[in-house]
Each structure stands twice: as structure tokens, then as C-alpha cells.
N, C-alpha and C. Protein backbone atom coordinates (compact mmCIF):
# COMPACT_ATOMS: atom_id res chain seq x y z
N MET A 1 122.69 82.95 102.43
CA MET A 1 122.57 83.38 103.86
C MET A 1 123.78 84.18 104.31
N VAL A 2 124.97 83.80 103.92
CA VAL A 2 126.17 84.57 104.31
C VAL A 2 126.23 85.98 103.79
N VAL A 3 125.71 86.06 102.54
CA VAL A 3 125.61 87.46 101.98
C VAL A 3 124.70 88.26 102.68
N VAL A 4 123.57 87.79 103.04
CA VAL A 4 122.62 88.49 103.90
C VAL A 4 123.19 88.84 105.18
N MET A 5 123.92 87.95 105.84
CA MET A 5 124.51 88.19 107.13
C MET A 5 125.58 89.25 106.99
N GLY A 6 126.34 89.20 105.91
CA GLY A 6 127.35 90.26 105.62
C GLY A 6 126.71 91.65 105.46
N ALA A 7 125.58 91.66 104.83
CA ALA A 7 124.88 92.92 104.62
C ALA A 7 124.38 93.42 105.96
N PHE A 8 123.77 92.55 106.81
CA PHE A 8 123.32 92.78 108.03
C PHE A 8 124.47 93.30 108.94
N ALA A 9 125.54 92.64 108.94
CA ALA A 9 126.68 93.08 109.81
C ALA A 9 127.22 94.43 109.40
N ALA A 10 127.24 94.81 108.06
CA ALA A 10 127.66 96.11 107.70
C ALA A 10 126.66 97.07 108.11
N ALA A 11 125.30 96.76 108.03
CA ALA A 11 124.33 97.70 108.55
C ALA A 11 124.49 98.02 110.02
N VAL A 12 124.83 97.01 110.76
CA VAL A 12 125.03 97.20 112.15
C VAL A 12 126.27 98.05 112.45
N MET A 13 127.32 97.84 111.64
CA MET A 13 128.51 98.55 111.79
C MET A 13 128.27 100.03 111.43
N LEU A 14 127.41 100.31 110.48
CA LEU A 14 127.18 101.69 110.14
C LEU A 14 126.31 102.43 111.12
N ARG A 15 125.60 101.82 111.95
CA ARG A 15 124.76 102.40 112.96
C ARG A 15 125.19 102.07 114.32
N PRO A 16 126.08 102.81 114.98
CA PRO A 16 126.58 102.40 116.29
C PRO A 16 125.53 102.38 117.32
N GLN A 17 125.65 101.48 118.36
CA GLN A 17 124.66 101.45 119.32
C GLN A 17 124.58 102.74 120.16
N GLY A 18 123.44 103.09 120.53
CA GLY A 18 123.09 104.30 121.28
C GLY A 18 123.08 105.54 120.56
N SER A 19 123.15 105.54 119.23
CA SER A 19 123.18 106.86 118.52
C SER A 19 121.63 107.38 118.44
N ALA A 20 121.56 108.57 118.67
CA ALA A 20 120.25 109.17 118.72
C ALA A 20 119.72 109.47 117.32
N PRO A 21 118.45 109.41 117.08
CA PRO A 21 117.87 109.71 115.78
C PRO A 21 118.25 111.14 115.37
N PRO A 22 118.31 111.51 114.09
CA PRO A 22 118.76 112.88 113.72
C PRO A 22 117.98 114.01 114.37
N ALA A 23 116.78 113.93 114.65
CA ALA A 23 115.96 114.93 115.25
C ALA A 23 116.33 115.15 116.69
N ALA A 24 116.88 114.19 117.38
CA ALA A 24 117.15 114.26 118.76
C ALA A 24 118.58 114.94 118.99
N ARG A 25 119.35 114.98 117.89
CA ARG A 25 120.68 115.55 118.05
C ARG A 25 120.60 117.05 118.09
N GLY A 26 119.51 117.80 117.63
CA GLY A 26 119.45 119.21 117.55
C GLY A 26 119.55 119.86 118.96
N GLY A 27 118.47 120.31 119.42
CA GLY A 27 118.47 121.00 120.60
C GLY A 27 117.21 120.76 121.42
N ALA A 28 116.64 121.88 121.95
CA ALA A 28 115.52 121.77 122.93
C ALA A 28 114.25 121.31 122.12
N ALA A 29 114.16 121.51 120.84
CA ALA A 29 112.97 121.07 120.08
C ALA A 29 112.81 119.61 119.98
N ALA A 30 113.87 118.91 120.31
CA ALA A 30 113.75 117.42 120.06
C ALA A 30 112.77 116.83 121.11
N SER A 31 112.04 115.85 120.75
CA SER A 31 111.19 115.20 121.66
C SER A 31 111.83 113.92 122.21
N VAL A 32 111.37 113.46 123.39
CA VAL A 32 111.95 112.29 123.98
C VAL A 32 111.17 111.14 123.38
N SER A 33 111.93 110.10 122.88
CA SER A 33 111.32 108.91 122.26
C SER A 33 111.54 107.75 123.29
N ALA A 34 110.76 106.72 123.06
CA ALA A 34 110.88 105.46 123.72
C ALA A 34 112.24 104.84 123.62
N PRO A 35 112.71 104.19 124.71
CA PRO A 35 114.08 103.65 124.52
C PRO A 35 114.03 102.64 123.30
N ALA A 36 115.16 102.59 122.64
CA ALA A 36 115.32 101.74 121.50
C ALA A 36 115.37 100.25 121.99
N ALA A 37 114.81 99.41 121.19
CA ALA A 37 114.82 98.04 121.40
C ALA A 37 116.33 97.57 121.49
N PRO A 38 116.60 96.63 122.43
CA PRO A 38 118.03 96.18 122.43
C PRO A 38 118.36 95.49 121.16
N GLN A 39 119.52 95.82 120.67
CA GLN A 39 120.05 95.11 119.40
C GLN A 39 120.37 93.72 119.84
N THR A 40 120.10 92.87 118.92
CA THR A 40 120.40 91.42 119.12
C THR A 40 121.44 91.07 118.19
N ALA A 41 122.23 90.14 118.58
CA ALA A 41 123.32 89.61 117.68
C ALA A 41 122.72 89.02 116.50
N PRO A 42 123.30 88.99 115.37
CA PRO A 42 122.73 88.33 114.18
C PRO A 42 122.66 86.84 114.46
N PRO A 43 121.67 86.21 113.87
CA PRO A 43 121.50 84.81 114.14
C PRO A 43 122.75 84.05 113.77
N ALA A 44 123.04 82.97 114.52
CA ALA A 44 124.22 82.17 114.31
C ALA A 44 124.05 81.44 113.02
N VAL A 45 125.15 81.40 112.20
CA VAL A 45 125.06 80.56 111.00
C VAL A 45 125.11 79.14 111.46
N PRO A 46 124.36 78.30 110.94
CA PRO A 46 124.41 76.83 111.29
C PRO A 46 125.81 76.25 110.88
N VAL A 47 126.28 75.39 111.65
CA VAL A 47 127.58 74.68 111.42
C VAL A 47 127.59 74.18 110.00
N SER A 48 126.47 73.53 109.59
CA SER A 48 126.44 72.87 108.25
C SER A 48 126.56 73.87 107.12
N ASP A 49 126.06 75.06 107.28
CA ASP A 49 126.24 76.15 106.33
C ASP A 49 127.71 76.57 106.28
N ARG A 50 128.34 76.80 107.40
CA ARG A 50 129.70 77.14 107.48
C ARG A 50 130.63 76.13 106.84
N VAL A 51 130.40 74.96 107.17
CA VAL A 51 131.23 73.74 106.59
C VAL A 51 131.03 73.64 105.04
N ALA A 52 129.76 73.83 104.69
CA ALA A 52 129.49 73.78 103.14
C ALA A 52 130.14 74.96 102.43
N ALA A 53 130.18 76.20 103.10
CA ALA A 53 130.87 77.20 102.45
C ALA A 53 132.39 77.02 102.40
N LEU A 54 132.92 76.50 103.48
CA LEU A 54 134.41 76.13 103.47
C LEU A 54 134.68 75.06 102.51
N MET A 55 133.90 74.02 102.39
CA MET A 55 134.19 73.00 101.37
C MET A 55 134.04 73.52 99.97
N GLN A 56 133.20 74.37 99.78
CA GLN A 56 133.08 75.02 98.34
C GLN A 56 134.40 75.85 98.19
N ALA A 57 134.75 76.55 99.08
CA ALA A 57 136.01 77.39 98.96
C ALA A 57 137.32 76.46 98.73
N GLY A 58 137.38 75.38 99.46
CA GLY A 58 138.50 74.37 99.38
C GLY A 58 138.39 73.83 97.95
N VAL A 59 137.24 73.40 97.46
CA VAL A 59 137.18 72.78 96.12
C VAL A 59 137.63 73.76 95.10
N ASP A 60 137.14 75.04 95.20
CA ASP A 60 137.48 76.01 94.24
C ASP A 60 139.00 76.29 94.26
N ALA A 61 139.58 76.36 95.44
CA ALA A 61 140.98 76.62 95.62
C ALA A 61 141.77 75.36 95.08
N ALA A 62 141.34 74.25 95.29
CA ALA A 62 142.02 73.02 94.72
C ALA A 62 141.99 72.93 93.23
N ARG A 63 140.84 73.29 92.66
CA ARG A 63 140.73 73.28 91.21
C ARG A 63 141.57 74.30 90.58
N SER A 64 141.84 75.44 91.22
CA SER A 64 142.76 76.48 90.64
C SER A 64 144.22 76.17 90.96
N GLY A 65 144.53 75.08 91.69
CA GLY A 65 145.90 74.73 92.06
C GLY A 65 146.40 75.29 93.30
N ALA A 66 145.57 76.03 94.05
CA ALA A 66 146.06 76.60 95.35
C ALA A 66 145.82 75.52 96.43
N LEU A 67 146.69 74.66 96.43
CA LEU A 67 146.55 73.57 97.41
C LEU A 67 146.64 73.95 98.86
N ASP A 68 147.54 74.93 99.18
CA ASP A 68 147.60 75.42 100.52
C ASP A 68 146.40 76.09 100.96
N GLN A 69 145.87 76.84 100.11
CA GLN A 69 144.59 77.58 100.46
C GLN A 69 143.47 76.43 100.59
N ALA A 70 143.42 75.54 99.78
CA ALA A 70 142.45 74.44 99.75
C ALA A 70 142.48 73.75 101.10
N ALA A 71 143.71 73.33 101.50
CA ALA A 71 143.94 72.56 102.75
C ALA A 71 143.51 73.41 103.95
N ALA A 72 143.80 74.78 103.89
CA ALA A 72 143.40 75.62 105.03
C ALA A 72 141.83 75.68 105.14
N ALA A 73 141.09 75.73 103.98
CA ALA A 73 139.70 75.77 104.00
C ALA A 73 139.11 74.36 104.59
N PHE A 74 139.72 73.26 104.10
CA PHE A 74 139.28 71.96 104.62
C PHE A 74 139.52 71.83 106.09
N ARG A 75 140.73 72.34 106.47
CA ARG A 75 141.04 72.21 107.91
C ARG A 75 140.10 73.09 108.77
N LYS A 76 139.68 74.24 108.23
CA LYS A 76 138.65 74.91 109.07
C LYS A 76 137.34 74.18 109.07
N ALA A 77 136.99 73.51 107.96
CA ALA A 77 135.73 72.78 107.84
C ALA A 77 135.74 71.67 108.93
N VAL A 78 136.88 70.99 109.09
CA VAL A 78 136.96 69.89 110.13
C VAL A 78 137.04 70.51 111.55
N GLU A 79 137.50 71.61 111.71
CA GLU A 79 137.43 72.30 113.02
C GLU A 79 135.98 72.61 113.38
N PHE A 80 135.15 73.08 112.49
CA PHE A 80 133.82 73.26 112.70
C PHE A 80 132.96 71.93 112.99
N ASP A 81 133.33 70.97 112.17
CA ASP A 81 132.57 69.69 112.30
C ASP A 81 133.60 68.51 112.16
N PRO A 82 134.16 68.05 113.25
CA PRO A 82 135.16 66.97 113.08
C PRO A 82 134.62 65.61 112.78
N THR A 83 133.24 65.59 112.54
CA THR A 83 132.59 64.28 112.16
C THR A 83 132.28 64.37 110.66
N ASP A 84 132.70 65.39 109.95
CA ASP A 84 132.42 65.39 108.50
C ASP A 84 133.43 64.67 107.65
N ALA A 85 133.03 63.43 107.34
CA ALA A 85 133.96 62.48 106.58
C ALA A 85 134.36 63.13 105.23
N LYS A 86 133.44 63.89 104.48
CA LYS A 86 133.84 64.38 103.13
C LYS A 86 134.91 65.49 103.39
N ALA A 87 134.87 66.32 104.47
CA ALA A 87 135.83 67.40 104.68
C ALA A 87 137.21 66.68 105.05
N TRP A 88 137.17 65.63 105.87
CA TRP A 88 138.45 64.85 106.13
C TRP A 88 139.02 64.35 104.88
N ASP A 89 138.08 63.70 104.03
CA ASP A 89 138.54 63.06 102.85
C ASP A 89 139.21 64.06 101.91
N SER A 90 138.47 65.26 101.73
CA SER A 90 138.93 66.25 100.92
C SER A 90 140.32 66.87 101.36
N LEU A 91 140.42 66.98 102.67
CA LEU A 91 141.70 67.40 103.21
C LEU A 91 142.81 66.38 102.90
N GLY A 92 142.49 65.04 102.95
CA GLY A 92 143.43 64.09 102.71
C GLY A 92 143.94 64.14 101.20
N VAL A 93 142.91 64.25 100.35
CA VAL A 93 143.26 64.32 98.89
C VAL A 93 144.32 65.48 98.59
N VAL A 94 143.99 66.62 99.17
CA VAL A 94 144.76 67.81 98.91
C VAL A 94 146.19 67.68 99.58
N LEU A 95 146.23 67.13 100.65
CA LEU A 95 147.53 66.88 101.33
C LEU A 95 148.42 65.86 100.58
N VAL A 96 147.78 64.89 100.10
CA VAL A 96 148.51 63.92 99.21
C VAL A 96 148.97 64.56 97.96
N ARG A 97 148.10 65.27 97.29
CA ARG A 97 148.46 65.98 96.05
C ARG A 97 149.70 67.03 96.30
N ALA A 98 149.60 67.57 97.45
CA ALA A 98 150.68 68.52 97.82
C ALA A 98 151.95 67.83 98.30
N GLY A 99 151.98 66.49 98.32
CA GLY A 99 153.16 65.68 98.64
C GLY A 99 153.21 65.30 100.11
N ASP A 100 152.31 65.58 100.97
CA ASP A 100 152.25 65.25 102.37
C ASP A 100 151.48 63.98 102.58
N GLU A 101 152.00 62.91 102.11
CA GLU A 101 151.24 61.64 102.18
C GLU A 101 150.92 61.14 103.64
N ALA A 102 151.86 61.42 104.64
CA ALA A 102 151.67 61.05 105.96
C ALA A 102 150.37 61.65 106.58
N ARG A 103 150.37 62.92 106.36
CA ARG A 103 149.24 63.68 106.90
C ARG A 103 147.94 63.41 106.08
N GLY A 104 148.09 63.08 104.76
CA GLY A 104 146.91 62.80 103.96
C GLY A 104 146.36 61.39 104.41
N VAL A 105 147.23 60.54 104.70
CA VAL A 105 146.72 59.15 105.21
C VAL A 105 146.03 59.37 106.57
N GLU A 106 146.62 60.22 107.45
CA GLU A 106 145.94 60.45 108.78
C GLU A 106 144.58 61.04 108.53
N ALA A 107 144.45 62.02 107.59
CA ALA A 107 143.11 62.66 107.30
C ALA A 107 142.16 61.61 106.83
N PHE A 108 142.59 60.63 105.93
CA PHE A 108 141.75 59.64 105.45
C PHE A 108 141.32 58.70 106.65
N ARG A 109 142.25 58.50 107.56
CA ARG A 109 141.85 57.61 108.78
C ARG A 109 140.89 58.25 109.58
N ARG A 110 140.97 59.68 109.73
CA ARG A 110 140.00 60.48 110.55
C ARG A 110 138.64 60.40 109.92
N ALA A 111 138.61 60.46 108.51
CA ALA A 111 137.28 60.39 107.84
C ALA A 111 136.64 59.13 108.10
N LEU A 112 137.44 57.97 108.11
CA LEU A 112 136.88 56.61 108.38
C LEU A 112 136.53 56.40 109.80
N ARG A 113 137.12 57.12 110.70
CA ARG A 113 136.70 57.11 112.07
C ARG A 113 135.23 57.72 112.20
N ALA A 114 135.20 58.83 111.46
CA ALA A 114 133.84 59.60 111.50
C ALA A 114 132.76 58.79 110.83
N VAL A 115 133.03 58.19 109.68
CA VAL A 115 132.10 57.45 108.93
C VAL A 115 132.80 56.24 108.31
N PRO A 116 132.82 55.14 109.08
CA PRO A 116 133.54 53.90 108.70
C PRO A 116 133.23 53.40 107.32
N GLY A 117 132.03 53.61 106.80
CA GLY A 117 131.66 53.13 105.51
C GLY A 117 131.91 54.14 104.34
N HIS A 118 132.51 55.11 104.53
CA HIS A 118 132.64 56.21 103.49
C HIS A 118 133.42 55.65 102.26
N PRO A 119 132.81 55.23 101.25
CA PRO A 119 133.55 54.57 100.16
C PRO A 119 134.65 55.37 99.47
N GLU A 120 134.40 56.64 99.18
CA GLU A 120 135.46 57.47 98.48
C GLU A 120 136.75 57.51 99.40
N THR A 121 136.63 57.50 100.66
CA THR A 121 137.78 57.59 101.56
C THR A 121 138.44 56.16 101.53
N HIS A 122 137.73 54.99 101.41
CA HIS A 122 138.36 53.82 101.32
C HIS A 122 139.13 53.70 100.09
N ARG A 123 138.64 54.24 98.95
CA ARG A 123 139.29 54.20 97.69
C ARG A 123 140.54 55.07 97.71
N ASN A 124 140.46 56.29 98.23
CA ASN A 124 141.55 57.21 98.24
C ASN A 124 142.72 56.64 99.22
N LEU A 125 142.32 56.10 100.29
CA LEU A 125 143.35 55.62 101.22
C LEU A 125 143.99 54.39 100.60
N ALA A 126 143.27 53.59 99.87
CA ALA A 126 143.79 52.45 99.24
C ALA A 126 144.81 52.87 98.12
N VAL A 127 144.49 53.79 97.41
CA VAL A 127 145.51 54.32 96.38
C VAL A 127 146.77 54.80 97.04
N VAL A 128 146.73 55.54 98.09
CA VAL A 128 148.02 56.00 98.69
C VAL A 128 148.80 54.87 99.27
N LEU A 129 148.07 53.85 99.99
CA LEU A 129 148.68 52.79 100.56
C LEU A 129 149.42 51.81 99.49
N ASP A 130 148.68 51.77 98.39
CA ASP A 130 149.16 51.00 97.19
C ASP A 130 150.43 51.59 96.70
N ARG A 131 150.41 52.97 96.52
CA ARG A 131 151.64 53.57 96.05
C ARG A 131 152.83 53.41 97.00
N GLN A 132 152.50 53.34 98.23
CA GLN A 132 153.56 53.13 99.37
C GLN A 132 153.97 51.70 99.49
N GLY A 133 153.43 50.79 98.66
CA GLY A 133 153.95 49.40 98.67
C GLY A 133 153.23 48.66 99.83
N ARG A 134 152.16 49.21 100.36
CA ARG A 134 151.45 48.56 101.48
C ARG A 134 150.21 47.86 100.98
N GLY A 135 150.55 46.81 100.11
CA GLY A 135 149.61 45.99 99.36
C GLY A 135 148.42 45.50 100.13
N ALA A 136 148.71 44.80 101.22
CA ALA A 136 147.70 44.05 101.95
C ALA A 136 146.69 45.05 102.48
N GLU A 137 147.25 46.13 103.08
CA GLU A 137 146.29 47.15 103.72
C GLU A 137 145.53 47.80 102.54
N ALA A 138 146.21 48.12 101.44
CA ALA A 138 145.55 48.79 100.30
C ALA A 138 144.42 47.86 99.73
N ALA A 139 144.68 46.55 99.67
CA ALA A 139 143.68 45.65 99.16
C ALA A 139 142.39 45.61 100.08
N ARG A 140 142.67 45.70 101.35
CA ARG A 140 141.57 45.68 102.28
C ARG A 140 140.60 46.90 102.07
N HIS A 141 141.29 48.15 101.74
CA HIS A 141 140.54 49.25 101.60
C HIS A 141 139.86 49.30 100.18
N TYR A 142 140.51 48.76 99.14
CA TYR A 142 139.98 48.60 97.85
C TYR A 142 138.71 47.79 97.96
N ARG A 143 138.76 46.62 98.68
CA ARG A 143 137.58 45.73 98.92
C ARG A 143 136.54 46.40 99.71
N ALA A 144 136.87 47.26 100.63
CA ALA A 144 135.78 47.95 101.38
C ALA A 144 135.07 48.98 100.45
N PHE A 145 135.88 49.63 99.48
CA PHE A 145 135.28 50.56 98.55
C PHE A 145 134.29 49.80 97.68
N LEU A 146 134.75 48.58 97.17
CA LEU A 146 133.78 47.81 96.30
C LEU A 146 132.55 47.44 97.03
N ALA A 147 132.67 47.06 98.32
CA ALA A 147 131.55 46.60 99.07
C ALA A 147 130.57 47.78 99.46
N LYS A 148 131.09 48.98 99.56
CA LYS A 148 130.34 50.07 100.22
C LYS A 148 129.82 51.11 99.12
N SER A 149 130.40 51.04 97.89
CA SER A 149 130.04 52.02 96.88
C SER A 149 128.90 51.39 95.98
N PRO A 150 128.07 52.23 95.34
CA PRO A 150 127.11 51.82 94.44
C PRO A 150 127.70 50.81 93.43
N ALA A 151 126.89 49.93 92.89
CA ALA A 151 127.33 48.84 91.88
C ALA A 151 127.73 49.42 90.66
N GLY A 152 127.09 50.58 90.31
CA GLY A 152 127.35 51.17 89.06
C GLY A 152 128.57 52.18 89.01
N SER A 153 129.31 52.22 90.07
CA SER A 153 130.39 53.19 90.17
C SER A 153 131.39 52.96 89.04
N PRO A 154 131.75 54.06 88.49
CA PRO A 154 132.75 53.93 87.36
C PRO A 154 134.11 53.36 87.82
N ASP A 155 134.35 53.46 89.09
CA ASP A 155 135.68 52.96 89.54
C ASP A 155 135.75 51.50 89.82
N HIS A 156 134.62 50.85 89.87
CA HIS A 156 134.65 49.43 90.23
C HIS A 156 135.46 48.62 89.27
N ALA A 157 135.36 48.79 87.92
CA ALA A 157 136.18 47.94 87.01
C ALA A 157 137.66 48.18 87.22
N THR A 158 138.04 49.38 87.45
CA THR A 158 139.46 49.79 87.57
C THR A 158 139.96 49.21 88.93
N ILE A 159 139.27 49.15 89.91
CA ILE A 159 139.68 48.67 91.24
C ILE A 159 139.70 47.21 91.18
N MET A 160 138.71 46.57 90.57
CA MET A 160 138.69 45.10 90.42
C MET A 160 139.98 44.64 89.65
N ALA A 161 140.36 45.33 88.61
CA ALA A 161 141.46 45.06 87.87
C ALA A 161 142.74 45.15 88.65
N ARG A 162 142.81 46.24 89.46
CA ARG A 162 143.94 46.46 90.31
C ARG A 162 144.08 45.38 91.33
N LEU A 163 142.98 44.95 91.97
CA LEU A 163 143.01 43.87 92.93
C LEU A 163 143.50 42.64 92.33
N GLU A 164 143.01 42.35 91.04
CA GLU A 164 143.49 41.21 90.31
C GLU A 164 145.01 41.25 90.10
N ALA A 165 145.46 42.39 89.71
CA ALA A 165 146.90 42.58 89.47
C ALA A 165 147.65 42.40 90.68
N MET A 166 147.23 42.85 91.86
CA MET A 166 147.91 42.73 93.12
C MET A 166 147.91 41.34 93.54
N GLY A 167 146.83 40.58 93.26
CA GLY A 167 146.74 39.17 93.60
C GLY A 167 147.77 38.30 92.75
N SER A 168 147.81 38.64 91.50
CA SER A 168 148.81 37.98 90.53
C SER A 168 150.14 38.17 90.91
N ARG A 169 150.52 39.48 91.35
CA ARG A 169 151.88 39.76 91.76
C ARG A 169 152.24 39.07 93.02
N ARG A 170 151.25 38.92 93.94
CA ARG A 170 151.49 38.29 95.15
C ARG A 170 151.72 36.77 95.02
N THR A 171 150.98 36.30 94.14
CA THR A 171 151.26 34.68 93.92
C THR A 171 152.28 34.38 92.83
N GLY A 172 152.90 35.39 92.29
CA GLY A 172 154.02 35.18 91.38
C GLY A 172 153.57 34.82 89.93
N GLU A 173 152.22 35.01 89.59
CA GLU A 173 151.83 34.73 88.18
C GLU A 173 152.27 35.82 87.21
């Protein structure tokens, strides 16, 4: 849809408003034609399409190692739709990978405000909190991930083992 809109926009740019047809530019032999229909603005791109395009751009940038570019794309996505938990979660991951854990944690918290049961965000937030030594809070988010993600999730075994290790460390075993 964006390509079509881009082609449409280029077509509009190439034909300025109010230009007369080639025959009317000549002289006296030109006939008078009916007024041109008013040009309408191109249809608005749905927010969901804009967010999807920005999310794809962010993922592509992150995969290529361009974390600043990825963060910029995810920030634009959440500007268009502040309730998109995946966009907030992706922004959090990129920020953490870029070394900005504080802002990454805040992005994860924003994702959970948008969708409290978003399992991937619970997992990602738990990992960061765990690295920061905030075990009790991390354990709460690990447990939320286990409760809210599908039973067959490949991360279940790893997270259960991590919770076990955290419990053992806490009790001194």
C-alpha cells in the first residue's frame, strides 16, 4: 500500500493543480472544458499499516546492528500507537542491547501498561531486572511469563531452571 501511495504522490507531484490540458495551452482554437474535479488527498494510511512498516524497519535495522536506527523506528511506532505492546517491547530490547537499561526497563513497563499480560515483555523485563540484581521483582516477571505464555514455549524450561536457581541462592542451598 505504501508503494502505491508513493507512486500516487509522485503522480500528483508531477501534475500541479490547475494546469490546463495541452490543447488548452495553445491559442484561440482551444475549446473550453468542464472544470476539473477537485483533487482529493490520498487516502490516509491506517495507523496499523504505519506501525507495521516501522516495526519491520526497526527489526531490519536491529538485525543489521543499527541499534540507533532501530530505536528510532520503534519510537516512531509507539508515537503512532502508544498502546502497541510489541513496539514498546521491541524498543526496550533495542535500548537494553545498546546499553541503556534504564530506558529499556521503562519501555518494558510501558508495554505492560498497554497490555498487562504480554508474555515476552514479562520475560524481557525479568532478564534485565535479574541482571541488575533485583531478584524478587525479576522472579515475579519470570512467573508472569510462565503463567501467560503458551505451555510449549521453548523458554519455559530455561526460566523454570532460573527460578529454581534464584530460589536456591535465596535460601542458601
